[in-house]
Amino acid sequence: MRKCVLSAAFLYAAAVVPTWCPVAMAEDEPADRVTFMSLDGSTRLVGYLFAPAGKRTGPAPAVVMMHGRSGAYSWSDAARGRYDASTLSERHRMWGRLWAARGYVALLVDGFGPRGYPHGFPRLSYDQRPEELNEITVRPFDAYGGLVYLRTRRDVMADRVGLQGWSNGGSATLATMAEVAADTPGAAMRGPITGFRAALAFYPACALKGMFEEGGYRPYAPVRVLQGDADEEVSPKRCARLVQKSRAEGGDIDIKLYPGATHDFDDPGPAHQRIDANVAAREDAIVRAQAFFAQQVEGREAK
């Protein structure tokens, strides 16, 4: 059995929530591939399930994870053209194993592959992405499809599921958590019990295609945005304005801006972790994410 070594940030997290060991799920153990329907009514999605290791005494809390514009898989040459559990990106594997080690059932939803775009999209391609991948009007149905699927599992606490998304998936997370009119498709699931308990949006694009400019943005459950103030792909200032306006309207939403951190600051690969600001932001974000879900999803009292 490998020894778990915790960084200073993780030791600090022990004062907030029980410590976790990121090797509780073997590093060479792939996530389980599952399929389920999107709430769009027509798309059978692919998901990758990370579950706690060992014998469990009862159902666990869970989290649905939404990938960004690059899709669920690695862009490395070795993985190109192969889209399965063995080629999931480092970031998604890291977070899936982290949540499993914390006792969650984590489901990464591949919303691009089943629609014919498993490789995702490069930077500066926003205007060329097909409408069937719209992060505001389509991808929320995928998130709720994941929620419905998790609620069919006996190992999941049906009323304690969180949501986490990155970049384009972060925007989808914000849209998923938005209060909407009662006659909007899927509106019945948008509530603190019927829907997600809480959500984490990592470096989303906060324009949200202008969908909330007139009526404003207000989440139905707590949302936290984590973003670097040196983000080179999306606007941190726009997200700060969205959060400020939503809070003024009573929304339970907040933002943490990390000085000097870039887009994808939590990606564990060397391209991002060679930047000191990203290293600091990643460690703090891991602590915050655990503490936030411990309180809002698990129902633990904050210390």
C-alpha atoms as a PDB file:
ATOM      1  CA  MET A   1       0.000   0.000   0.000  1.00  0.00           C
ATOM      2  CA  ARG A   2       1.404   3.387  -0.997  1.00  0.00           C
ATOM      3  CA  LYS A   3       1.871   6.041   1.657  1.00  0.00           C
ATOM      4  CA  CYS A   4      -0.191   9.188   1.270  1.00  0.00           C
ATOM      5  CA  VAL A   5       1.877  12.385   1.476  1.00  0.00           C
ATOM      6  CA  LEU A   6      -0.056  15.606   1.970  1.00  0.00           C
ATOM      7  CA  SER A   7       1.133  19.075   1.012  1.00  0.00           C
ATOM      8  CA  ALA A   8       0.832  22.035   3.374  1.00  0.00           C
ATOM      9  CA  ALA A   9      -2.444  23.011   1.711  1.00  0.00           C
ATOM     10  CA  PHE A  10      -3.858  19.548   2.254  1.00  0.00           C
ATOM     11  CA  LEU A  11      -2.776  19.570   5.891  1.00  0.00           C
ATOM     12  CA  TYR A  12      -4.597  22.880   6.267  1.00  0.00           C
ATOM     13  CA  ALA A  13      -7.671  21.237   4.744  1.00  0.00           C
ATOM     14  CA  ALA A  14      -7.680  18.761   7.614  1.00  0.00           C
ATOM     15  CA  ALA A  15      -8.844  21.554   9.892  1.00  0.00           C
ATOM     16  CA  VAL A  16     -11.864  22.064   7.658  1.00  0.00           C
ATOM     17  CA  VAL A  17     -12.738  18.585   6.450  1.00  0.00           C
ATOM     18  CA  PRO A  18     -11.212  15.127   6.996  1.00  0.00           C
ATOM     19  CA  THR A  19      -7.971  14.672   5.061  1.00  0.00           C
ATOM     20  CA  TRP A  20      -8.022  12.702   1.835  1.00  0.00           C
ATOM     21  CA  CYS A  21      -5.431  10.543   0.138  1.00  0.00           C
ATOM     22  CA  PRO A  22      -5.215  10.917  -3.662  1.00  0.00           C
ATOM     23  CA  VAL A  23      -4.015   7.328  -4.127  1.00  0.00           C
ATOM     24  CA  ALA A  24      -7.079   5.654  -2.578  1.00  0.00           C
ATOM     25  CA  MET A  25      -8.054   4.795  -6.143  1.00  0.00           C
ATOM     26  CA  ALA A  26      -5.132   3.037  -7.811  1.00  0.00           C
ATOM     27  CA  GLU A  27      -3.353   5.247 -10.344  1.00  0.00           C
ATOM     28  CA  ASP A  28      -3.514   2.556 -13.012  1.00  0.00           C
ATOM     29  CA  GLU A  29      -7.150   1.706 -12.310  1.00  0.00           C
ATOM     30  CA  PRO A  30      -9.348   3.180 -15.060  1.00  0.00           C
ATOM     31  CA  ALA A  31     -12.697   4.745 -14.370  1.00  0.00           C
ATOM     32  CA  ASP A  32     -15.744   2.676 -15.245  1.00  0.00           C
ATOM     33  CA  ARG A  33     -17.442   3.590 -18.514  1.00  0.00           C
ATOM     34  CA  VAL A  34     -21.222   4.009 -18.290  1.00  0.00           C
ATOM     35  CA  THR A  35     -23.917   5.334 -20.613  1.00  0.00           C
ATOM     36  CA  PHE A  36     -27.125   7.231 -19.895  1.00  0.00           C
ATOM     37  CA  MET A  37     -29.531   9.608 -21.586  1.00  0.00           C
ATOM     38  CA  SER A  38     -29.205  13.358 -21.695  1.00  0.00           C
ATOM     39  CA  LEU A  39     -32.340  15.218 -20.722  1.00  0.00           C
ATOM     40  CA  ASP A  40     -32.337  16.559 -24.283  1.00  0.00           C
ATOM     41  CA  GLY A  41     -34.310  13.361 -24.950  1.00  0.00           C
ATOM     42  CA  SER A  42     -32.216  12.157 -27.865  1.00  0.00           C
ATOM     43  CA  THR A  43     -28.528  11.823 -26.930  1.00  0.00           C
ATOM     44  CA  ARG A  44     -27.081   8.775 -25.199  1.00  0.00           C
ATOM     45  CA  LEU A  45     -24.120  10.127 -23.288  1.00  0.00           C
ATOM     46  CA  VAL A  46     -20.919   8.461 -22.167  1.00  0.00           C
ATOM     47  CA  GLY A  47     -19.736   8.875 -18.602  1.00  0.00           C
ATOM     48  CA  TYR A  48     -16.710   7.812 -16.564  1.00  0.00           C
ATOM     49  CA  LEU A  49     -17.335   6.788 -12.990  1.00  0.00           C
ATOM     50  CA  PHE A  50     -14.821   7.176 -10.152  1.00  0.00           C
ATOM     51  CA  ALA A  51     -15.965   5.410  -6.993  1.00  0.00           C
ATOM     52  CA  PRO A  52     -14.505   5.134  -3.478  1.00  0.00           C
ATOM     53  CA  ALA A  53     -12.254   2.144  -2.946  1.00  0.00           C
ATOM     54  CA  GLY A  54     -12.964  -0.624  -0.463  1.00  0.00           C
ATOM     55  CA  LYS A  55     -16.086  -1.759   1.298  1.00  0.00           C
ATOM     56  CA  ARG A  56     -18.747   0.869   1.965  1.00  0.00           C
ATOM     57  CA  THR A  57     -21.416   0.874   4.634  1.00  0.00           C
ATOM     58  CA  GLY A  58     -23.980   2.892   2.715  1.00  0.00           C
ATOM     59  CA  PRO A  59     -24.638   5.307  -0.143  1.00  0.00           C
ATOM     60  CA  ALA A  60     -22.208   8.159  -0.781  1.00  0.00           C
ATOM     61  CA  PRO A  61     -22.496  11.776  -1.891  1.00  0.00           C
ATOM     62  CA  ALA A  62     -21.704  12.361  -5.544  1.00  0.00           C
ATOM     63  CA  VAL A  63     -20.513  14.944  -8.037  1.00  0.00           C
ATOM     64  CA  VAL A  64     -21.194  15.405 -11.754  1.00  0.00           C
ATOM     65  CA  MET A  65     -18.184  16.796 -13.644  1.00  0.00           C
ATOM     66  CA  MET A  66     -18.435  18.785 -16.901  1.00  0.00           C
ATOM     67  CA  HIS A  67     -15.379  19.000 -19.182  1.00  0.00           C
ATOM     68  CA  GLY A  68     -14.282  22.096 -21.070  1.00  0.00           C
ATOM     69  CA  ARG A  69     -13.886  22.909 -24.771  1.00  0.00           C
ATOM     70  CA  SER A  70     -11.043  20.403 -25.181  1.00  0.00           C
ATOM     71  CA  GLY A  71     -13.346  17.525 -24.311  1.00  0.00           C
ATOM     72  CA  ALA A  72     -12.859  14.765 -21.763  1.00  0.00           C
ATOM     73  CA  TYR A  73      -9.710  13.250 -23.254  1.00  0.00           C
ATOM     74  CA  SER A  74      -6.001  13.958 -23.475  1.00  0.00           C
ATOM     75  CA  TRP A  75      -4.692  15.904 -26.455  1.00  0.00           C
ATOM     76  CA  SER A  76      -1.299  14.146 -26.350  1.00  0.00           C
ATOM     77  CA  ASP A  77      -0.010  12.412 -29.475  1.00  0.00           C
ATOM     78  CA  ALA A  78      -0.135   9.069 -27.681  1.00  0.00           C
ATOM     79  CA  ALA A  79      -3.876   9.446 -27.031  1.00  0.00           C
ATOM     80  CA  ARG A  80      -4.927  11.030 -30.329  1.00  0.00           C
ATOM     81  CA  GLY A  81      -7.722   9.052 -31.918  1.00  0.00           C
ATOM     82  CA  ARG A  82      -8.395   6.900 -28.854  1.00  0.00           C
ATOM     83  CA  TYR A  83     -11.266   8.013 -26.650  1.00  0.00           C
ATOM     84  CA  ASP A  84     -11.859   5.837 -23.610  1.00  0.00           C
ATOM     85  CA  ALA A  85     -11.145   5.639 -19.876  1.00  0.00           C
ATOM     86  CA  SER A  86      -7.421   5.147 -20.508  1.00  0.00           C
ATOM     87  CA  THR A  87      -7.050   8.480 -22.310  1.00  0.00           C
ATOM     88  CA  LEU A  88      -8.990  10.814 -20.024  1.00  0.00           C
ATOM     89  CA  SER A  89      -7.111  14.052 -19.441  1.00  0.00           C
ATOM     90  CA  GLU A  90      -4.837  14.382 -16.404  1.00  0.00           C
ATOM     91  CA  ARG A  91      -7.078  17.026 -14.874  1.00  0.00           C
ATOM     92  CA  HIS A  92     -10.214  14.898 -15.070  1.00  0.00           C
ATOM     93  CA  ARG A  93      -8.433  11.851 -13.685  1.00  0.00           C
ATOM     94  CA  MET A  94      -6.992  13.945 -10.859  1.00  0.00           C
ATOM     95  CA  TRP A  95     -10.328  15.385  -9.796  1.00  0.00           C
ATOM     96  CA  GLY A  96     -12.215  12.135 -10.251  1.00  0.00           C
ATOM     97  CA  ARG A  97      -9.744  10.312  -8.015  1.00  0.00           C
ATOM     98  CA  LEU A  98      -9.703  13.166  -5.534  1.00  0.00           C
ATOM     99  CA  TRP A  99     -13.468  13.004  -5.074  1.00  0.00           C
ATOM    100  CA  ALA A 100     -13.429   9.205  -4.909  1.00  0.00           C
ATOM    101  CA  ALA A 101     -10.748   9.400  -2.219  1.00  0.00           C
ATOM    102  CA  ARG A 102     -12.989  11.827  -0.324  1.00  0.00           C
ATOM    103  CA  GLY A 103     -15.779   9.247  -0.413  1.00  0.00           C
ATOM    104  CA  TYR A 104     -17.758  10.603  -3.384  1.00  0.00           C
ATOM    105  CA  VAL A 105     -19.015   8.851  -6.478  1.00  0.00           C
ATOM    106  CA  ALA A 106     -17.763  11.136  -9.263  1.00  0.00           C
ATOM    107  CA  LEU A 107     -19.191  11.055 -12.783  1.00  0.00           C
ATOM    108  CA  LEU A 108     -17.365  12.757 -15.656  1.00  0.00           C
ATOM    109  CA  VAL A 109     -19.852  13.422 -18.471  1.00  0.00           C
ATOM    110  CA  ASP A 110     -18.561  13.258 -22.048  1.00  0.00           C
ATOM    111  CA  GLY A 111     -21.009  15.501 -23.872  1.00  0.00           C
ATOM    112  CA  PHE A 112     -18.898  16.006 -27.008  1.00  0.00           C
ATOM    113  CA  GLY A 113     -17.961  12.448 -28.022  1.00  0.00           C
ATOM    114  CA  PRO A 114     -21.514  11.104 -28.428  1.00  0.00           C
ATOM    115  CA  ARG A 115     -22.277  14.091 -30.669  1.00  0.00           C
ATOM    116  CA  GLY A 116     -19.310  13.427 -32.923  1.00  0.00           C
ATOM    117  CA  TYR A 117     -16.654  15.743 -31.423  1.00  0.00           C
ATOM    118  CA  PRO A 118     -14.621  13.626 -28.962  1.00  0.00           C
ATOM    119  CA  HIS A 119     -11.448  15.602 -29.691  1.00  0.00           C
ATOM    120  CA  GLY A 120     -13.024  18.866 -28.550  1.00  0.00           C
ATOM    121  CA  PHE A 121     -12.047  22.234 -29.977  1.00  0.00           C
ATOM    122  CA  PRO A 122      -8.907  24.407 -30.025  1.00  0.00           C
ATOM    123  CA  ARG A 123      -8.641  27.941 -28.723  1.00  0.00           C
ATOM    124  CA  LEU A 124     -10.282  30.760 -30.662  1.00  0.00           C
ATOM    125  CA  SER A 125     -12.837  28.376 -32.167  1.00  0.00           C
ATOM    126  CA  TYR A 126     -15.865  29.642 -30.260  1.00  0.00           C
ATOM    127  CA  ASP A 127     -17.835  30.865 -33.269  1.00  0.00           C
ATOM    128  CA  GLN A 128     -17.274  27.608 -35.168  1.00  0.00           C
ATOM    129  CA  ARG A 129     -18.680  25.237 -32.536  1.00  0.00           C
ATOM    130  CA  PRO A 130     -21.950  23.551 -33.501  1.00  0.00           C
ATOM    131  CA  GLU A 131     -25.196  24.545 -31.832  1.00  0.00           C
ATOM    132  CA  GLU A 132     -25.785  21.001 -30.550  1.00  0.00           C
ATOM    133  CA  LEU A 133     -22.924  21.629 -28.107  1.00  0.00           C
ATOM    134  CA  ASN A 134     -24.267  24.960 -26.827  1.00  0.00           C
ATOM    135  CA  GLU A 135     -23.115  25.278 -23.232  1.00  0.00           C
ATOM    136  CA  ILE A 136     -26.094  27.399 -22.201  1.00  0.00           C
ATOM    137  CA  THR A 137     -29.039  25.739 -23.929  1.00  0.00           C
ATOM    138  CA  VAL A 138     -27.847  22.129 -24.425  1.00  0.00           C
ATOM    139  CA  ARG A 139     -25.125  21.077 -22.008  1.00  0.00           C
ATOM    140  CA  PRO A 140     -27.267  21.683 -18.883  1.00  0.00           C
ATOM    141  CA  PHE A 141     -29.456  18.819 -20.125  1.00  0.00           C
ATOM    142  CA  ASP A 142     -26.328  16.638 -20.049  1.00  0.00           C
ATOM    143  CA  ALA A 143     -25.587  17.664 -16.466  1.00  0.00           C
ATOM    144  CA  TYR A 144     -29.110  16.763 -15.397  1.00  0.00           C
ATOM    145  CA  GLY A 145     -28.886  13.519 -17.345  1.00  0.00           C
ATOM    146  CA  GLY A 146     -25.861  12.693 -15.208  1.00  0.00           C
ATOM    147  CA  LEU A 147     -27.799  13.582 -12.075  1.00  0.00           C
ATOM    148  CA  VAL A 148     -30.725  11.359 -13.069  1.00  0.00           C
ATOM    149  CA  TYR A 149     -28.318   8.495 -13.779  1.00  0.00           C
ATOM    150  CA  LEU A 150     -26.557   8.844 -10.416  1.00  0.00           C
ATOM    151  CA  ARG A 151     -29.909   8.728  -8.665  1.00  0.00           C
ATOM    152  CA  THR A 152     -30.548   5.277 -10.117  1.00  0.00           C
ATOM    153  CA  ARG A 153     -27.483   3.928  -8.303  1.00  0.00           C
ATOM    154  CA  ARG A 154     -27.817   2.337  -4.889  1.00  0.00           C
ATOM    155  CA  ASP A 155     -24.359   3.603  -3.889  1.00  0.00           C
ATOM    156  CA  VAL A 156     -25.350   7.276  -4.298  1.00  0.00           C
ATOM    157  CA  MET A 157     -27.229   9.561  -1.905  1.00  0.00           C
ATOM    158  CA  ALA A 158     -29.882  10.859  -4.285  1.00  0.00           C
ATOM    159  CA  ASP A 159     -30.291  14.230  -2.559  1.00  0.00           C
ATOM    160  CA  ARG A 160     -26.586  14.986  -2.087  1.00  0.00           C
ATOM    161  CA  VAL A 161     -25.061  15.571  -5.497  1.00  0.00           C
ATOM    162  CA  GLY A 162     -22.819  18.481  -6.462  1.00  0.00           C
ATOM    163  CA  LEU A 163     -21.768  19.857  -9.848  1.00  0.00           C
ATOM    164  CA  GLN A 164     -18.316  20.905 -11.056  1.00  0.00           C
ATOM    165  CA  GLY A 165     -17.255  22.248 -14.440  1.00  0.00           C
ATOM    166  CA  TRP A 166     -14.213  23.747 -16.148  1.00  0.00           C
ATOM    167  CA  SER A 167     -14.060  26.498 -18.779  1.00  0.00           C
ATOM    168  CA  ASN A 168     -16.842  25.765 -21.298  1.00  0.00           C
ATOM    169  CA  GLY A 169     -18.083  23.226 -18.769  1.00  0.00           C
ATOM    170  CA  GLY A 170     -17.874  25.954 -16.131  1.00  0.00           C
ATOM    171  CA  SER A 171     -20.197  28.099 -18.226  1.00  0.00           C
ATOM    172  CA  ALA A 172     -22.474  25.073 -18.597  1.00  0.00           C
ATOM    173  CA  THR A 173     -22.353  24.710 -14.814  1.00  0.00           C
ATOM    174  CA  LEU A 174     -23.485  28.311 -14.306  1.00  0.00           C
ATOM    175  CA  ALA A 175     -26.317  27.824 -16.813  1.00  0.00           C
ATOM    176  CA  THR A 176     -27.312  24.534 -15.160  1.00  0.00           C
ATOM    177  CA  MET A 177     -27.633  26.224 -11.775  1.00  0.00           C
ATOM    178  CA  ALA A 178     -29.670  29.196 -13.002  1.00  0.00           C
ATOM    179  CA  GLU A 179     -33.227  29.755 -11.837  1.00  0.00           C
ATOM    180  CA  VAL A 180     -35.485  29.643 -14.908  1.00  0.00           C
ATOM    181  CA  ALA A 181     -39.137  30.140 -15.750  1.00  0.00           C
ATOM    182  CA  ALA A 182     -41.451  27.318 -14.741  1.00  0.00           C
ATOM    183  CA  ASP A 183     -42.298  26.537 -18.373  1.00  0.00           C
ATOM    184  CA  THR A 184     -38.631  26.100 -19.358  1.00  0.00           C
ATOM    185  CA  PRO A 185     -37.695  22.490 -20.236  1.00  0.00           C
ATOM    186  CA  GLY A 186     -36.097  20.839 -17.235  1.00  0.00           C
ATOM    187  CA  ALA A 187     -37.225  23.567 -14.827  1.00  0.00           C
ATOM    188  CA  ALA A 188     -38.708  21.019 -12.427  1.00  0.00           C
ATOM    189  CA  MET A 189     -35.209  19.746 -11.598  1.00  0.00           C
ATOM    190  CA  ARG A 190     -33.846  23.164 -10.725  1.00  0.00           C
ATOM    191  CA  GLY A 191     -34.126  23.298  -6.971  1.00  0.00           C
ATOM    192  CA  PRO A 192     -31.886  22.619  -3.945  1.00  0.00           C
ATOM    193  CA  ILE A 193     -33.501  19.186  -3.418  1.00  0.00           C
ATOM    194  CA  THR A 194     -34.721  18.286  -6.907  1.00  0.00           C
ATOM    195  CA  GLY A 195     -31.460  19.454  -8.470  1.00  0.00           C
ATOM    196  CA  PHE A 196     -27.829  19.907  -7.429  1.00  0.00           C
ATOM    197  CA  ARG A 197     -26.918  20.866  -3.882  1.00  0.00           C
ATOM    198  CA  ALA A 198     -24.106  23.206  -4.933  1.00  0.00           C
ATOM    199  CA  ALA A 199     -21.721  23.891  -7.801  1.00  0.00           C
ATOM    200  CA  LEU A 200     -18.111  24.816  -8.535  1.00  0.00           C
ATOM    201  CA  ALA A 201     -17.358  26.696 -11.771  1.00  0.00           C
ATOM    202  CA  PHE A 202     -13.667  26.836 -12.674  1.00  0.00           C
ATOM    203  CA  TYR A 203     -12.698  29.703 -15.024  1.00  0.00           C
ATOM    204  CA  PRO A 204     -16.017  29.915 -16.927  1.00  0.00           C
ATOM    205  CA  ALA A 205     -16.828  32.372 -19.701  1.00  0.00           C
ATOM    206  CA  CYS A 206     -19.419  34.503 -17.943  1.00  0.00           C
ATOM    207  CA  ALA A 207     -21.110  36.226 -20.878  1.00  0.00           C
ATOM    208  CA  LEU A 208     -23.361  33.147 -21.031  1.00  0.00           C
ATOM    209  CA  LYS A 209     -24.362  34.044 -24.586  1.00  0.00           C
ATOM    210  CA  GLY A 210     -26.372  36.994 -23.265  1.00  0.00           C
ATOM    211  CA  MET A 211     -29.080  34.688 -21.933  1.00  0.00           C
ATOM    212  CA  PHE A 212     -29.248  36.389 -18.519  1.00  0.00           C
ATOM    213  CA  GLU A 213     -28.658  40.034 -19.423  1.00  0.00           C
ATOM    214  CA  GLU A 214     -32.293  41.103 -19.082  1.00  0.00           C
ATOM    215  CA  GLY A 215     -33.558  38.969 -16.223  1.00  0.00           C
ATOM    216  CA  GLY A 216     -30.252  38.705 -14.381  1.00  0.00           C
ATOM    217  CA  TYR A 217     -28.485  35.590 -13.135  1.00  0.00           C
ATOM    218  CA  ARG A 218     -29.487  33.927  -9.877  1.00  0.00           C
ATOM    219  CA  PRO A 219     -28.529  30.345  -8.942  1.00  0.00           C
ATOM    220  CA  TYR A 220     -31.024  28.132  -7.111  1.00  0.00           C
ATOM    221  CA  ALA A 221     -28.260  26.691  -4.882  1.00  0.00           C
ATOM    222  CA  PRO A 222     -24.818  27.924  -3.756  1.00  0.00           C
ATOM    223  CA  VAL A 223     -22.232  28.462  -6.523  1.00  0.00           C
ATOM    224  CA  ARG A 224     -18.557  29.330  -6.247  1.00  0.00           C
ATOM    225  CA  VAL A 225     -16.431  30.573  -9.153  1.00  0.00           C
ATOM    226  CA  LEU A 226     -12.658  30.019  -9.078  1.00  0.00           C
ATOM    227  CA  GLN A 227     -10.578  31.899 -11.633  1.00  0.00           C
ATOM    228  CA  GLY A 228      -7.145  33.366 -12.243  1.00  0.00           C
ATOM    229  CA  ASP A 229      -6.915  37.123 -12.761  1.00  0.00           C
ATOM    230  CA  ALA A 230      -4.380  36.488 -15.556  1.00  0.00           C
ATOM    231  CA  ASP A 231      -6.788  34.212 -17.474  1.00  0.00           C
ATOM    232  CA  GLU A 232      -5.867  34.490 -21.147  1.00  0.00           C
ATOM    233  CA  GLU A 233      -9.000  32.818 -22.576  1.00  0.00           C
ATOM    234  CA  VAL A 234     -11.974  34.309 -20.720  1.00  0.00           C
ATOM    235  CA  SER A 235     -12.607  37.564 -18.865  1.00  0.00           C
ATOM    236  CA  PRO A 236     -12.179  37.515 -15.065  1.00  0.00           C
ATOM    237  CA  LYS A 237     -13.659  41.019 -14.899  1.00  0.00           C
ATOM    238  CA  ARG A 238     -16.833  39.864 -16.626  1.00  0.00           C
ATOM    239  CA  CYS A 239     -17.198  37.009 -14.145  1.00  0.00           C
ATOM    240  CA  ALA A 240     -16.621  39.377 -11.231  1.00  0.00           C
ATOM    241  CA  ARG A 241     -19.374  41.654 -12.571  1.00  0.00           C
ATOM    242  CA  LEU A 242     -21.764  38.728 -13.027  1.00  0.00           C
ATOM    243  CA  VAL A 243     -21.146  37.582  -9.454  1.00  0.00           C
ATOM    244  CA  GLN A 244     -21.465  41.084  -8.026  1.00  0.00           C
ATOM    245  CA  LYS A 245     -24.769  41.674  -9.813  1.00  0.00           C
ATOM    246  CA  SER A 246     -26.127  38.273  -8.837  1.00  0.00           C
ATOM    247  CA  ARG A 247     -25.203  38.798  -5.188  1.00  0.00           C
ATOM    248  CA  ALA A 248     -26.968  42.154  -5.244  1.00  0.00           C
ATOM    249  CA  GLU A 249     -30.083  40.293  -6.378  1.00  0.00           C
ATOM    250  CA  GLY A 250     -29.791  37.772  -3.543  1.00  0.00           C
ATOM    251  CA  GLY A 251     -27.842  35.035  -5.323  1.00  0.00           C
ATOM    252  CA  ASP A 252     -25.691  32.729  -3.189  1.00  0.00           C
ATOM    253  CA  ILE A 253     -22.640  33.025  -5.405  1.00  0.00           C
ATOM    254  CA  ASP A 254     -19.072  34.170  -4.855  1.00  0.00           C
ATOM    255  CA  ILE A 255     -15.816  34.342  -6.783  1.00  0.00           C
ATOM    256  CA  LYS A 256     -12.201  33.714  -5.849  1.00  0.00           C
ATOM    257  CA  LEU A 257      -9.716  35.447  -8.140  1.00  0.00           C
ATOM    258  CA  TYR A 258      -6.166  34.088  -7.939  1.00  0.00           C
ATOM    259  CA  PRO A 259      -3.414  36.666  -8.584  1.00  0.00           C
ATOM    260  CA  GLY A 260      -1.295  35.766 -11.589  1.00  0.00           C
ATOM    261  CA  ALA A 261      -3.058  32.463 -12.272  1.00  0.00           C
ATOM    262  CA  THR A 262      -3.978  31.559 -15.845  1.00  0.00           C
ATOM    263  CA  HIS A 263      -6.705  29.553 -17.549  1.00  0.00           C
ATOM    264  CA  ASP A 264      -6.481  25.846 -16.634  1.00  0.00           C
ATOM    265  CA  PHE A 265      -4.528  26.708 -13.496  1.00  0.00           C
ATOM    266  CA  ASP A 266      -5.522  23.403 -11.846  1.00  0.00           C
ATOM    267  CA  ASP A 267      -4.288  21.220 -14.722  1.00  0.00           C
ATOM    268  CA  PRO A 268      -1.589  19.044 -13.092  1.00  0.00           C
ATOM    269  CA  GLY A 269       0.563  18.920 -16.235  1.00  0.00           C
ATOM    270  CA  PRO A 270       3.958  20.696 -16.298  1.00  0.00           C
ATOM    271  CA  ALA A 271       2.844  23.258 -18.875  1.00  0.00           C
ATOM    272  CA  HIS A 272       0.607  24.866 -16.252  1.00  0.00           C
ATOM    273  CA  GLN A 273       2.315  23.891 -13.015  1.00  0.00           C
ATOM    274  CA  ARG A 274       5.623  25.496 -13.973  1.00  0.00           C
ATOM    275  CA  ILE A 275       3.867  28.811 -13.225  1.00  0.00           C
ATOM    276  CA  ASP A 276       4.154  29.530  -9.488  1.00  0.00           C
ATOM    277  CA  ALA A 277       0.822  31.353  -9.369  1.00  0.00           C
ATOM    278  CA  ASN A 278      -0.914  28.304 -10.839  1.00  0.00           C
ATOM    279  CA  VAL A 279       0.674  26.008  -8.263  1.00  0.00           C
ATOM    280  CA  ALA A 280      -0.600  28.194  -5.422  1.00  0.00           C
ATOM    281  CA  ALA A 281      -4.028  28.589  -7.021  1.00  0.00           C
ATOM    282  CA  ARG A 282      -4.390  24.851  -7.623  1.00  0.00           C
ATOM    283  CA  GLU A 283      -3.592  23.937  -4.025  1.00  0.00           C
ATOM    284  CA  ASP A 284      -5.940  26.571  -2.632  1.00  0.00           C
ATOM    285  CA  ALA A 285      -8.715  25.571  -5.055  1.00  0.00           C
ATOM    286  CA  ILE A 286      -8.467  21.926  -3.985  1.00  0.00           C
ATOM    287  CA  VAL A 287      -8.848  22.955  -0.344  1.00  0.00           C
ATOM    288  CA  ARG A 288     -11.752  25.282  -1.090  1.00  0.00           C
ATOM    289  CA  ALA A 289     -13.539  22.753  -3.275  1.00  0.00           C
ATOM    290  CA  GLN A 290     -13.410  20.082  -0.577  1.00  0.00           C
ATOM    291  CA  ALA A 291     -14.547  22.424   2.175  1.00  0.00           C
ATOM    292  CA  PHE A 292     -17.377  23.864   0.073  1.00  0.00           C
ATOM    293  CA  PHE A 293     -18.774  20.478  -0.933  1.00  0.00           C
ATOM    294  CA  ALA A 294     -18.298  19.109   2.587  1.00  0.00           C
ATOM    295  CA  GLN A 295     -20.587  21.832   3.872  1.00  0.00           C
ATOM    296  CA  GLN A 296     -23.053  22.190   1.002  1.00  0.00           C
ATOM    297  CA  VAL A 297     -23.244  18.673  -0.447  1.00  0.00           C
ATOM    298  CA  GLU A 298     -22.374  16.458   2.519  1.00  0.00           C
ATOM    299  CA  GLY A 299     -24.081  18.725   5.034  1.00  0.00           C
ATOM    300  CA  ARG A 300     -21.094  18.997   7.385  1.00  0.00           C
ATOM    301  CA  GLU A 301     -20.862  22.045   9.614  1.00  0.00           C
ATOM    302  CA  ALA A 302     -18.067  24.462   8.703  1.00  0.00           C
ATOM    303  CA  LYS A 303     -15.325  24.776  11.343  1.00  0.00           C
END
